Amino acid sequence: MLHASLALACRIDLSEIGFCAVGSRAGEPGGADTLVVGGGRAICGAPGSPFNKVLGLGLGAEVSDADLDAIDEFYDAHESPAQIELCPLAMSGLPARLASRGYVIQGFENQLVMRLDDVDEGAYQAPADATTFSIALTASALDADLWLGAVAAGFAAGEHPADTGVSEVPPEFRNAMRNFQHPSMVLYLARDGDHAVGGGASYIFDGVLGLTGTATVPAHRGRGVQHAVVRRMLHDARGRAELATATTEPGSRSQRTFERFGFRVVYTRAVLVRPFRSR
């Protein structure tokens, strides 16, 4: 079993932010800007992009006041709030220093990880009471649109049970999920007959498989949709990556799904946000 260590945290956080740089086209014309600072990396691209964040800060590196000034100035220059997702293995004293600069805790997220070689073959079998779904890669513009609609509906509903949820998906959820429609990401669409019922996305960066964007349309929850999507993503990555990671809301249905495959929480990040300050 993997245990939290500084080396593991560095690998996970830096692989994730490295992919965020790829996904946001950092360094390309019209792409995001990036800043390497304090052992971590900051990304800022399109407003509201899920790639706009700082990861790896203070992991195995000192963080000076000048480093924190640079992060604040970087996001202020882009007229964007600064979001630092802070690993608990970061250098001591950093949370208090960030609080003194106006950062507030917006929430927490669990980081789960497993070795791909440790996947229990039994986990690849669908639950006995699960419906059979077809899981396919998005291969057309129509598939991509169906994927966007399904995962946006799932994320907009949050943890609501199947009989509630939302009747209309706010534009911000569609816009956020559209960021995952990138050539470096593999998109998986789950169908029940002709109906798109859920999906997910995966990427491989530095030998780490990242599973993200997994969501189920509220009306189809409790039927094994997410299990089927995760099973397919893990199966496709075997032999191509060493570790698999996923980030979930603590105590969520998604966390329980990943734990059934053998994922374990190795640490919980604090999500700290400082509003944009005009000069």
C-alpha atoms as a PDB file:
ATOM      1  CA  MET A   1       0.000   0.000   0.000  1.00  0.00           C
ATOM      2  CA  LEU A   2       1.237   3.480  -0.836  1.00  0.00           C
ATOM      3  CA  HIS A   3       1.711   5.893   2.045  1.00  0.00           C
ATOM      4  CA  ALA A   4       1.970   9.668   2.090  1.00  0.00           C
ATOM      5  CA  SER A   5       5.543  10.802   1.639  1.00  0.00           C
ATOM      6  CA  LEU A   6       7.147  13.983   0.416  1.00  0.00           C
ATOM      7  CA  ALA A   7       8.462  12.215  -2.695  1.00  0.00           C
ATOM      8  CA  LEU A   8       5.030  10.817  -3.556  1.00  0.00           C
ATOM      9  CA  ALA A   9       3.310  14.164  -2.949  1.00  0.00           C
ATOM     10  CA  CYS A  10       5.821  15.944  -5.174  1.00  0.00           C
ATOM     11  CA  ARG A  11       5.265  13.449  -7.962  1.00  0.00           C
ATOM     12  CA  ILE A  12       1.480  13.645  -7.758  1.00  0.00           C
ATOM     13  CA  ASP A  13       1.171  17.428  -7.456  1.00  0.00           C
ATOM     14  CA  LEU A  14       3.792  18.239 -10.069  1.00  0.00           C
ATOM     15  CA  SER A  15       2.407  15.727 -12.565  1.00  0.00           C
ATOM     16  CA  GLU A  16      -1.063  17.208 -12.147  1.00  0.00           C
ATOM     17  CA  ILE A  17       0.044  20.814 -12.558  1.00  0.00           C
ATOM     18  CA  GLY A  18       2.290  19.729 -15.418  1.00  0.00           C
ATOM     19  CA  PHE A  19      -0.725  18.370 -17.198  1.00  0.00           C
ATOM     20  CA  CYS A  20      -2.696  21.524 -16.371  1.00  0.00           C
ATOM     21  CA  ALA A  21       0.014  23.425 -18.235  1.00  0.00           C
ATOM     22  CA  VAL A  22      -0.406  21.117 -21.234  1.00  0.00           C
ATOM     23  CA  GLY A  23      -4.200  21.262 -21.080  1.00  0.00           C
ATOM     24  CA  SER A  24      -4.235  25.057 -20.892  1.00  0.00           C
ATOM     25  CA  ARG A  25      -1.675  25.294 -23.722  1.00  0.00           C
ATOM     26  CA  ALA A  26       0.813  27.166 -21.564  1.00  0.00           C
ATOM     27  CA  GLY A  27       3.542  28.771 -23.632  1.00  0.00           C
ATOM     28  CA  GLU A  28       1.545  28.557 -26.869  1.00  0.00           C
ATOM     29  CA  PRO A  29       0.071  31.597 -28.624  1.00  0.00           C
ATOM     30  CA  GLY A  30      -3.201  32.391 -26.892  1.00  0.00           C
ATOM     31  CA  GLY A  31      -2.515  29.822 -24.184  1.00  0.00           C
ATOM     32  CA  ALA A  32      -2.108  30.155 -20.441  1.00  0.00           C
ATOM     33  CA  ASP A  33       0.773  31.776 -18.623  1.00  0.00           C
ATOM     34  CA  THR A  34       2.759  29.831 -16.058  1.00  0.00           C
ATOM     35  CA  LEU A  35       5.039  30.651 -13.147  1.00  0.00           C
ATOM     36  CA  VAL A  36       7.460  28.216 -11.488  1.00  0.00           C
ATOM     37  CA  VAL A  37       7.813  29.304  -7.885  1.00  0.00           C
ATOM     38  CA  GLY A  38       8.488  27.952  -4.377  1.00  0.00           C
ATOM     39  CA  GLY A  39       8.852  24.343  -5.500  1.00  0.00           C
ATOM     40  CA  GLY A  40       5.511  24.450  -7.289  1.00  0.00           C
ATOM     41  CA  ARG A  41       3.877  25.921 -10.350  1.00  0.00           C
ATOM     42  CA  ALA A  42       1.107  28.426 -11.027  1.00  0.00           C
ATOM     43  CA  ILE A  43      -1.134  28.406 -14.122  1.00  0.00           C
ATOM     44  CA  CYS A  44      -3.462  31.144 -15.306  1.00  0.00           C
ATOM     45  CA  GLY A  45      -5.363  30.974 -18.566  1.00  0.00           C
ATOM     46  CA  ALA A  46      -8.971  31.508 -19.579  1.00  0.00           C
ATOM     47  CA  PRO A  47     -11.213  32.972 -16.841  1.00  0.00           C
ATOM     48  CA  GLY A  48     -12.854  30.217 -14.799  1.00  0.00           C
ATOM     49  CA  SER A  49     -10.648  27.455 -16.175  1.00  0.00           C
ATOM     50  CA  PRO A  50     -10.197  24.522 -13.750  1.00  0.00           C
ATOM     51  CA  PHE A  51      -6.501  24.613 -14.698  1.00  0.00           C
ATOM     52  CA  ASN A  52      -6.035  28.011 -13.030  1.00  0.00           C
ATOM     53  CA  LYS A  53      -4.327  27.018  -9.792  1.00  0.00           C
ATOM     54  CA  VAL A  54      -1.079  26.564  -7.887  1.00  0.00           C
ATOM     55  CA  LEU A  55       0.124  23.070  -6.987  1.00  0.00           C
ATOM     56  CA  GLY A  56       3.305  21.768  -5.394  1.00  0.00           C
ATOM     57  CA  LEU A  57       3.975  24.929  -3.403  1.00  0.00           C
ATOM     58  CA  GLY A  58       6.375  24.299  -0.517  1.00  0.00           C
ATOM     59  CA  LEU A  59       6.879  20.608  -1.254  1.00  0.00           C
ATOM     60  CA  GLY A  60      10.555  19.981  -0.562  1.00  0.00           C
ATOM     61  CA  ALA A  61      11.354  23.652  -1.080  1.00  0.00           C
ATOM     62  CA  GLU A  62      11.440  26.823   0.962  1.00  0.00           C
ATOM     63  CA  VAL A  63       8.855  29.459   0.123  1.00  0.00           C
ATOM     64  CA  SER A  64      10.042  33.022   0.618  1.00  0.00           C
ATOM     65  CA  ASP A  65       7.923  36.148   0.992  1.00  0.00           C
ATOM     66  CA  ALA A  66       9.189  37.106  -2.454  1.00  0.00           C
ATOM     67  CA  ASP A  67       7.757  33.841  -3.815  1.00  0.00           C
ATOM     68  CA  LEU A  68       4.347  34.640  -2.335  1.00  0.00           C
ATOM     69  CA  ASP A  69       4.564  38.184  -3.686  1.00  0.00           C
ATOM     70  CA  ALA A  70       5.268  36.734  -7.131  1.00  0.00           C
ATOM     71  CA  ILE A  71       2.176  34.487  -6.961  1.00  0.00           C
ATOM     72  CA  ASP A  72      -0.061  37.371  -5.888  1.00  0.00           C
ATOM     73  CA  GLU A  73       1.304  39.648  -8.589  1.00  0.00           C
ATOM     74  CA  PHE A  74       0.990  36.913 -11.224  1.00  0.00           C
ATOM     75  CA  TYR A  75      -2.746  36.469 -10.639  1.00  0.00           C
ATOM     76  CA  ASP A  76      -3.445  40.161 -10.059  1.00  0.00           C
ATOM     77  CA  ALA A  77      -1.803  40.935 -13.394  1.00  0.00           C
ATOM     78  CA  HIS A  78      -4.297  38.525 -14.995  1.00  0.00           C
ATOM     79  CA  GLU A  79      -7.200  40.008 -13.007  1.00  0.00           C
ATOM     80  CA  SER A  80      -7.878  36.568 -11.614  1.00  0.00           C
ATOM     81  CA  PRO A  81      -8.340  35.186  -8.108  1.00  0.00           C
ATOM     82  CA  ALA A  82      -5.379  33.167  -6.856  1.00  0.00           C
ATOM     83  CA  GLN A  83      -6.129  29.561  -5.925  1.00  0.00           C
ATOM     84  CA  ILE A  84      -3.504  27.557  -4.060  1.00  0.00           C
ATOM     85  CA  GLU A  85      -4.232  23.869  -3.484  1.00  0.00           C
ATOM     86  CA  LEU A  86      -1.950  23.196  -0.544  1.00  0.00           C
ATOM     87  CA  CYS A  87      -0.662  19.741   0.342  1.00  0.00           C
ATOM     88  CA  PRO A  88      -0.323  19.098   4.109  1.00  0.00           C
ATOM     89  CA  LEU A  89       3.271  17.951   3.510  1.00  0.00           C
ATOM     90  CA  ALA A  90       4.247  21.466   2.427  1.00  0.00           C
ATOM     91  CA  MET A  91       6.676  23.446   4.584  1.00  0.00           C
ATOM     92  CA  SER A  92       5.360  24.306   8.038  1.00  0.00           C
ATOM     93  CA  GLY A  93       3.945  27.752   8.695  1.00  0.00           C
ATOM     94  CA  LEU A  94       2.749  28.271   5.132  1.00  0.00           C
ATOM     95  CA  PRO A  95      -1.018  28.237   5.870  1.00  0.00           C
ATOM     96  CA  ALA A  96      -0.687  31.029   8.444  1.00  0.00           C
ATOM     97  CA  ARG A  97       1.417  33.113   6.068  1.00  0.00           C
ATOM     98  CA  LEU A  98      -1.170  32.709   3.323  1.00  0.00           C
ATOM     99  CA  ALA A  99      -3.991  33.620   5.727  1.00  0.00           C
ATOM    100  CA  SER A 100      -2.180  36.840   6.594  1.00  0.00           C
ATOM    101  CA  ARG A 101      -2.235  37.717   2.886  1.00  0.00           C
ATOM    102  CA  GLY A 102      -5.986  37.328   2.594  1.00  0.00           C
ATOM    103  CA  TYR A 103      -6.237  33.706   1.493  1.00  0.00           C
ATOM    104  CA  VAL A 104      -9.264  31.891   2.907  1.00  0.00           C
ATOM    105  CA  ILE A 105     -10.075  28.192   2.892  1.00  0.00           C
ATOM    106  CA  GLN A 106     -12.691  27.517   0.248  1.00  0.00           C
ATOM    107  CA  GLY A 107     -12.779  23.779   0.821  1.00  0.00           C
ATOM    108  CA  PHE A 108     -10.842  20.543   0.948  1.00  0.00           C
ATOM    109  CA  GLU A 109     -10.150  17.793  -1.581  1.00  0.00           C
ATOM    110  CA  ASN A 110      -8.908  14.279  -1.081  1.00  0.00           C
ATOM    111  CA  GLN A 111      -6.030  13.018  -3.172  1.00  0.00           C
ATOM    112  CA  LEU A 112      -6.339   9.306  -3.874  1.00  0.00           C
ATOM    113  CA  VAL A 113      -3.670   7.119  -5.433  1.00  0.00           C
ATOM    114  CA  MET A 114      -2.900   3.508  -6.252  1.00  0.00           C
ATOM    115  CA  ARG A 115      -0.358   1.502  -8.193  1.00  0.00           C
ATOM    116  CA  LEU A 116      -1.875   0.279 -11.411  1.00  0.00           C
ATOM    117  CA  ASP A 117      -0.289  -3.124 -10.829  1.00  0.00           C
ATOM    118  CA  ASP A 118      -2.276  -3.372  -7.598  1.00  0.00           C
ATOM    119  CA  VAL A 119      -5.691  -3.188  -9.231  1.00  0.00           C
ATOM    120  CA  ASP A 120      -7.731  -6.174  -8.106  1.00  0.00           C
ATOM    121  CA  GLU A 121      -8.908  -7.977 -11.232  1.00  0.00           C
ATOM    122  CA  GLY A 122     -12.231  -8.490  -9.468  1.00  0.00           C
ATOM    123  CA  ALA A 123     -12.730  -4.748  -9.502  1.00  0.00           C
ATOM    124  CA  TYR A 124     -12.996  -4.921 -13.276  1.00  0.00           C
ATOM    125  CA  GLN A 125     -16.218  -6.849 -12.890  1.00  0.00           C
ATOM    126  CA  ALA A 126     -19.386  -4.777 -12.762  1.00  0.00           C
ATOM    127  CA  PRO A 127     -21.422  -4.935  -9.531  1.00  0.00           C
ATOM    128  CA  ALA A 128     -24.029  -7.697  -9.618  1.00  0.00           C
ATOM    129  CA  ASP A 129     -26.912  -5.208  -9.565  1.00  0.00           C
ATOM    130  CA  ALA A 130     -25.364  -2.788 -12.075  1.00  0.00           C
ATOM    131  CA  THR A 131     -26.821  -2.025 -15.484  1.00  0.00           C
ATOM    132  CA  THR A 132     -24.626  -2.796 -18.491  1.00  0.00           C
ATOM    133  CA  PHE A 133     -23.412   0.369 -20.183  1.00  0.00           C
ATOM    134  CA  SER A 134     -21.447   0.879 -23.358  1.00  0.00           C
ATOM    135  CA  ILE A 135     -18.269   2.853 -22.694  1.00  0.00           C
ATOM    136  CA  ALA A 136     -16.573   4.345 -25.722  1.00  0.00           C
ATOM    137  CA  LEU A 137     -14.014   6.990 -26.555  1.00  0.00           C
ATOM    138  CA  THR A 138     -15.488  10.178 -27.981  1.00  0.00           C
ATOM    139  CA  ALA A 139     -14.794   9.861 -31.684  1.00  0.00           C
ATOM    140  CA  SER A 140     -16.955  12.576 -33.224  1.00  0.00           C
ATOM    141  CA  ALA A 141     -18.183  16.096 -32.657  1.00  0.00           C
ATOM    142  CA  LEU A 142     -21.570  14.658 -31.664  1.00  0.00           C
ATOM    143  CA  ASP A 143     -19.937  12.371 -29.090  1.00  0.00           C
ATOM    144  CA  ALA A 144     -17.954  15.311 -27.702  1.00  0.00           C
ATOM    145  CA  ASP A 145     -21.136  17.364 -27.325  1.00  0.00           C
ATOM    146  CA  LEU A 146     -22.931  14.485 -25.622  1.00  0.00           C
ATOM    147  CA  TRP A 147     -19.965  14.019 -23.275  1.00  0.00           C
ATOM    148  CA  LEU A 148     -19.991  17.708 -22.388  1.00  0.00           C
ATOM    149  CA  GLY A 149     -23.715  17.685 -21.657  1.00  0.00           C
ATOM    150  CA  ALA A 150     -23.565  14.557 -19.505  1.00  0.00           C
ATOM    151  CA  VAL A 151     -20.579  15.472 -17.341  1.00  0.00           C
ATOM    152  CA  ALA A 152     -21.697  19.105 -16.961  1.00  0.00           C
ATOM    153  CA  ALA A 153     -25.098  17.916 -15.746  1.00  0.00           C
ATOM    154  CA  GLY A 154     -23.413  15.573 -13.293  1.00  0.00           C
ATOM    155  CA  PHE A 155     -21.131  18.239 -11.851  1.00  0.00           C
ATOM    156  CA  ALA A 156     -23.879  20.859 -11.706  1.00  0.00           C
ATOM    157  CA  ALA A 157     -26.020  18.520  -9.597  1.00  0.00           C
ATOM    158  CA  GLY A 158     -23.228  17.916  -7.087  1.00  0.00           C
ATOM    159  CA  GLU A 159     -24.092  15.209  -4.571  1.00  0.00           C
ATOM    160  CA  HIS A 160     -27.847  15.451  -5.089  1.00  0.00           C
ATOM    161  CA  PRO A 161     -29.596  12.063  -5.338  1.00  0.00           C
ATOM    162  CA  ALA A 162     -31.036  10.842  -8.611  1.00  0.00           C
ATOM    163  CA  ASP A 163     -34.561  12.129  -7.980  1.00  0.00           C
ATOM    164  CA  THR A 164     -33.500  15.763  -7.483  1.00  0.00           C
ATOM    165  CA  GLY A 165     -30.485  17.361  -9.164  1.00  0.00           C
ATOM    166  CA  VAL A 166     -30.860  20.321 -11.508  1.00  0.00           C
ATOM    167  CA  SER A 167     -33.246  20.860 -14.380  1.00  0.00           C
ATOM    168  CA  GLU A 168     -30.926  23.153 -16.316  1.00  0.00           C
ATOM    169  CA  VAL A 169     -27.134  23.180 -16.473  1.00  0.00           C
ATOM    170  CA  PRO A 170     -25.665  26.633 -15.761  1.00  0.00           C
ATOM    171  CA  PRO A 171     -23.322  27.863 -18.518  1.00  0.00           C
ATOM    172  CA  GLU A 172     -20.348  28.024 -16.126  1.00  0.00           C
ATOM    173  CA  PHE A 173     -20.416  24.248 -15.684  1.00  0.00           C
ATOM    174  CA  ARG A 174     -20.411  23.626 -19.431  1.00  0.00           C
ATOM    175  CA  ASN A 175     -17.609  26.153 -19.888  1.00  0.00           C
ATOM    176  CA  ALA A 176     -15.520  24.577 -17.113  1.00  0.00           C
ATOM    177  CA  MET A 177     -15.921  21.058 -18.473  1.00  0.00           C
ATOM    178  CA  ARG A 178     -15.153  22.237 -22.014  1.00  0.00           C
ATOM    179  CA  ASN A 179     -11.562  22.760 -20.813  1.00  0.00           C
ATOM    180  CA  PHE A 180     -11.160  18.986 -20.603  1.00  0.00           C
ATOM    181  CA  GLN A 181     -11.840  18.591 -24.329  1.00  0.00           C
ATOM    182  CA  HIS A 182      -8.143  18.740 -25.119  1.00  0.00           C
ATOM    183  CA  PRO A 183      -6.158  16.513 -27.508  1.00  0.00           C
ATOM    184  CA  SER A 184      -4.012  15.237 -24.624  1.00  0.00           C
ATOM    185  CA  MET A 185      -7.064  13.975 -22.735  1.00  0.00           C
ATOM    186  CA  VAL A 186      -8.959  10.795 -23.490  1.00  0.00           C
ATOM    187  CA  LEU A 187     -12.705  11.301 -23.061  1.00  0.00           C
ATOM    188  CA  TYR A 188     -14.966   8.393 -22.181  1.00  0.00           C
ATOM    189  CA  LEU A 189     -18.705   8.507 -22.792  1.00  0.00           C
ATOM    190  CA  ALA A 190     -21.134   6.126 -21.084  1.00  0.00           C
ATOM    191  CA  ARG A 191     -24.360   5.303 -22.879  1.00  0.00           C
ATOM    192  CA  ASP A 192     -27.456   3.397 -21.936  1.00  0.00           C
ATOM    193  CA  GLY A 193     -28.839   2.643 -25.357  1.00  0.00           C
ATOM    194  CA  ASP A 194     -29.116   5.974 -27.132  1.00  0.00           C
ATOM    195  CA  HIS A 195     -28.840   8.016 -23.923  1.00  0.00           C
ATOM    196  CA  ALA A 196     -25.617   9.623 -22.679  1.00  0.00           C
ATOM    197  CA  VAL A 197     -25.594   8.880 -18.950  1.00  0.00           C
ATOM    198  CA  GLY A 198     -22.113   9.900 -17.798  1.00  0.00           C
ATOM    199  CA  GLY A 199     -18.455  10.063 -18.635  1.00  0.00           C
ATOM    200  CA  GLY A 200     -14.945  10.805 -17.547  1.00  0.00           C
ATOM    201  CA  ALA A 201     -11.533  11.935 -18.755  1.00  0.00           C
ATOM    202  CA  SER A 202      -8.013  10.655 -18.295  1.00  0.00           C
ATOM    203  CA  TYR A 203      -4.473  11.748 -19.048  1.00  0.00           C
ATOM    204  CA  ILE A 204      -0.998  10.318 -18.555  1.00  0.00           C
ATOM    205  CA  PHE A 205       1.827  12.623 -17.542  1.00  0.00           C
ATOM    206  CA  ASP A 206       5.222  11.509 -16.235  1.00  0.00           C
ATOM    207  CA  GLY A 207       4.017   7.954 -15.691  1.00  0.00           C
ATOM    208  CA  VAL A 208       0.990   9.068 -13.676  1.00  0.00           C
ATOM    209  CA  LEU A 209      -2.543   8.368 -14.861  1.00  0.00           C
ATOM    210  CA  GLY A 210      -4.921  11.129 -13.820  1.00  0.00           C
ATOM    211  CA  LEU A 211      -8.619  10.298 -13.703  1.00  0.00           C
ATOM    212  CA  THR A 212     -10.810  13.384 -13.741  1.00  0.00           C
ATOM    213  CA  GLY A 213     -14.129  14.718 -14.906  1.00  0.00           C
ATOM    214  CA  THR A 214     -16.006  11.571 -13.882  1.00  0.00           C
ATOM    215  CA  ALA A 215     -19.685  12.353 -13.495  1.00  0.00           C
ATOM    216  CA  THR A 216     -23.098  10.744 -13.881  1.00  0.00           C
ATOM    217  CA  VAL A 217     -26.342  12.327 -15.052  1.00  0.00           C
ATOM    218  CA  PRO A 218     -28.469  12.584 -11.870  1.00  0.00           C
ATOM    219  CA  ALA A 219     -31.355  10.470 -13.179  1.00  0.00           C
ATOM    220  CA  HIS A 220     -28.972   7.541 -13.759  1.00  0.00           C
ATOM    221  CA  ARG A 221     -27.111   7.523 -10.439  1.00  0.00           C
ATOM    222  CA  GLY A 222     -26.921   4.385  -8.368  1.00  0.00           C
ATOM    223  CA  ARG A 223     -26.694   2.134 -11.426  1.00  0.00           C
ATOM    224  CA  GLY A 224     -22.908   1.704 -11.672  1.00  0.00           C
ATOM    225  CA  VAL A 225     -22.196   4.291 -14.389  1.00  0.00           C
ATOM    226  CA  GLN A 226     -19.113   5.750 -12.731  1.00  0.00           C
ATOM    227  CA  HIS A 227     -17.821   2.293 -11.831  1.00  0.00           C
ATOM    228  CA  ALA A 228     -18.049   1.275 -15.490  1.00  0.00           C
ATOM    229  CA  VAL A 229     -16.222   4.414 -16.656  1.00  0.00           C
ATOM    230  CA  VAL A 230     -13.407   4.095 -14.098  1.00  0.00           C
ATOM    231  CA  ARG A 231     -13.036   0.380 -14.858  1.00  0.00           C
ATOM    232  CA  ARG A 232     -12.524   1.151 -18.550  1.00  0.00           C
ATOM    233  CA  MET A 233     -10.061   3.981 -17.890  1.00  0.00           C
ATOM    234  CA  LEU A 234      -7.926   1.812 -15.598  1.00  0.00           C
ATOM    235  CA  HIS A 235      -8.006  -1.069 -18.047  1.00  0.00           C
ATOM    236  CA  ASP A 236      -6.852   1.105 -20.948  1.00  0.00           C
ATOM    237  CA  ALA A 237      -3.914   2.523 -18.951  1.00  0.00           C
ATOM    238  CA  ARG A 238      -2.366  -0.725 -17.762  1.00  0.00           C
ATOM    239  CA  GLY A 239       1.196  -1.031 -18.991  1.00  0.00           C
ATOM    240  CA  ARG A 240       1.288   2.678 -19.860  1.00  0.00           C
ATOM    241  CA  ALA A 241       1.513   4.255 -16.391  1.00  0.00           C
ATOM    242  CA  GLU A 242       2.734   3.295 -12.930  1.00  0.00           C
ATOM    243  CA  LEU A 243       0.393   5.234 -10.674  1.00  0.00           C
ATOM    244  CA  ALA A 244      -3.240   6.251 -10.945  1.00  0.00           C
ATOM    245  CA  THR A 245      -4.561   9.318  -9.145  1.00  0.00           C
ATOM    246  CA  ALA A 246      -7.930  10.923  -8.583  1.00  0.00           C
ATOM    247  CA  THR A 247      -9.087  13.982  -6.666  1.00  0.00           C
ATOM    248  CA  THR A 248     -12.475  13.885  -4.963  1.00  0.00           C
ATOM    249  CA  GLU A 249     -14.661  15.795  -2.557  1.00  0.00           C
ATOM    250  CA  PRO A 250     -14.165  14.212   0.888  1.00  0.00           C
ATOM    251  CA  GLY A 251     -16.778  11.568   1.641  1.00  0.00           C
ATOM    252  CA  SER A 252     -18.357  11.771  -1.808  1.00  0.00           C
ATOM    253  CA  ARG A 253     -19.834   9.003  -3.922  1.00  0.00           C
ATOM    254  CA  SER A 254     -16.869   9.406  -6.250  1.00  0.00           C
ATOM    255  CA  GLN A 255     -14.447   8.724  -3.408  1.00  0.00           C
ATOM    256  CA  ARG A 256     -16.276   5.509  -2.541  1.00  0.00           C
ATOM    257  CA  THR A 257     -16.195   4.410  -6.188  1.00  0.00           C
ATOM    258  CA  PHE A 258     -12.434   4.879  -6.424  1.00  0.00           C
ATOM    259  CA  GLU A 259     -11.858   3.127  -3.094  1.00  0.00           C
ATOM    260  CA  ARG A 260     -13.643   0.040  -4.417  1.00  0.00           C
ATOM    261  CA  PHE A 261     -10.880  -0.256  -7.016  1.00  0.00           C
ATOM    262  CA  GLY A 262      -8.161  -0.023  -4.372  1.00  0.00           C
ATOM    263  CA  PHE A 263      -7.470   3.721  -4.372  1.00  0.00           C
ATOM    264  CA  ARG A 264      -6.565   5.154  -0.975  1.00  0.00           C
ATOM    265  CA  VAL A 265      -6.528   8.718   0.336  1.00  0.00           C
ATOM    266  CA  VAL A 266      -2.884   9.716   0.796  1.00  0.00           C
ATOM    267  CA  TYR A 267      -3.473  13.334   1.775  1.00  0.00           C
ATOM    268  CA  THR A 268      -6.100  16.063   1.848  1.00  0.00           C
ATOM    269  CA  ARG A 269      -5.366  19.384   0.198  1.00  0.00           C
ATOM    270  CA  ALA A 270      -6.700  22.685   1.494  1.00  0.00           C
ATOM    271  CA  VAL A 271      -8.057  24.892  -1.278  1.00  0.00           C
ATOM    272  CA  LEU A 272      -7.087  28.462  -0.427  1.00  0.00           C
ATOM    273  CA  VAL A 273      -8.352  31.379  -2.482  1.00  0.00           C
ATOM    274  CA  ARG A 274      -7.433  35.076  -2.485  1.00  0.00           C
ATOM    275  CA  PRO A 275      -9.682  37.431  -4.495  1.00  0.00           C
ATOM    276  CA  PHE A 276      -8.268  39.496  -7.329  1.00  0.00           C
ATOM    277  CA  ARG A 277      -7.008  42.862  -6.155  1.00  0.00           C
ATOM    278  CA  SER A 278      -6.824  45.698  -8.642  1.00  0.00           C
ATOM    279  CA  ARG A 279      -3.648  47.729  -8.681  1.00  0.00           C
END
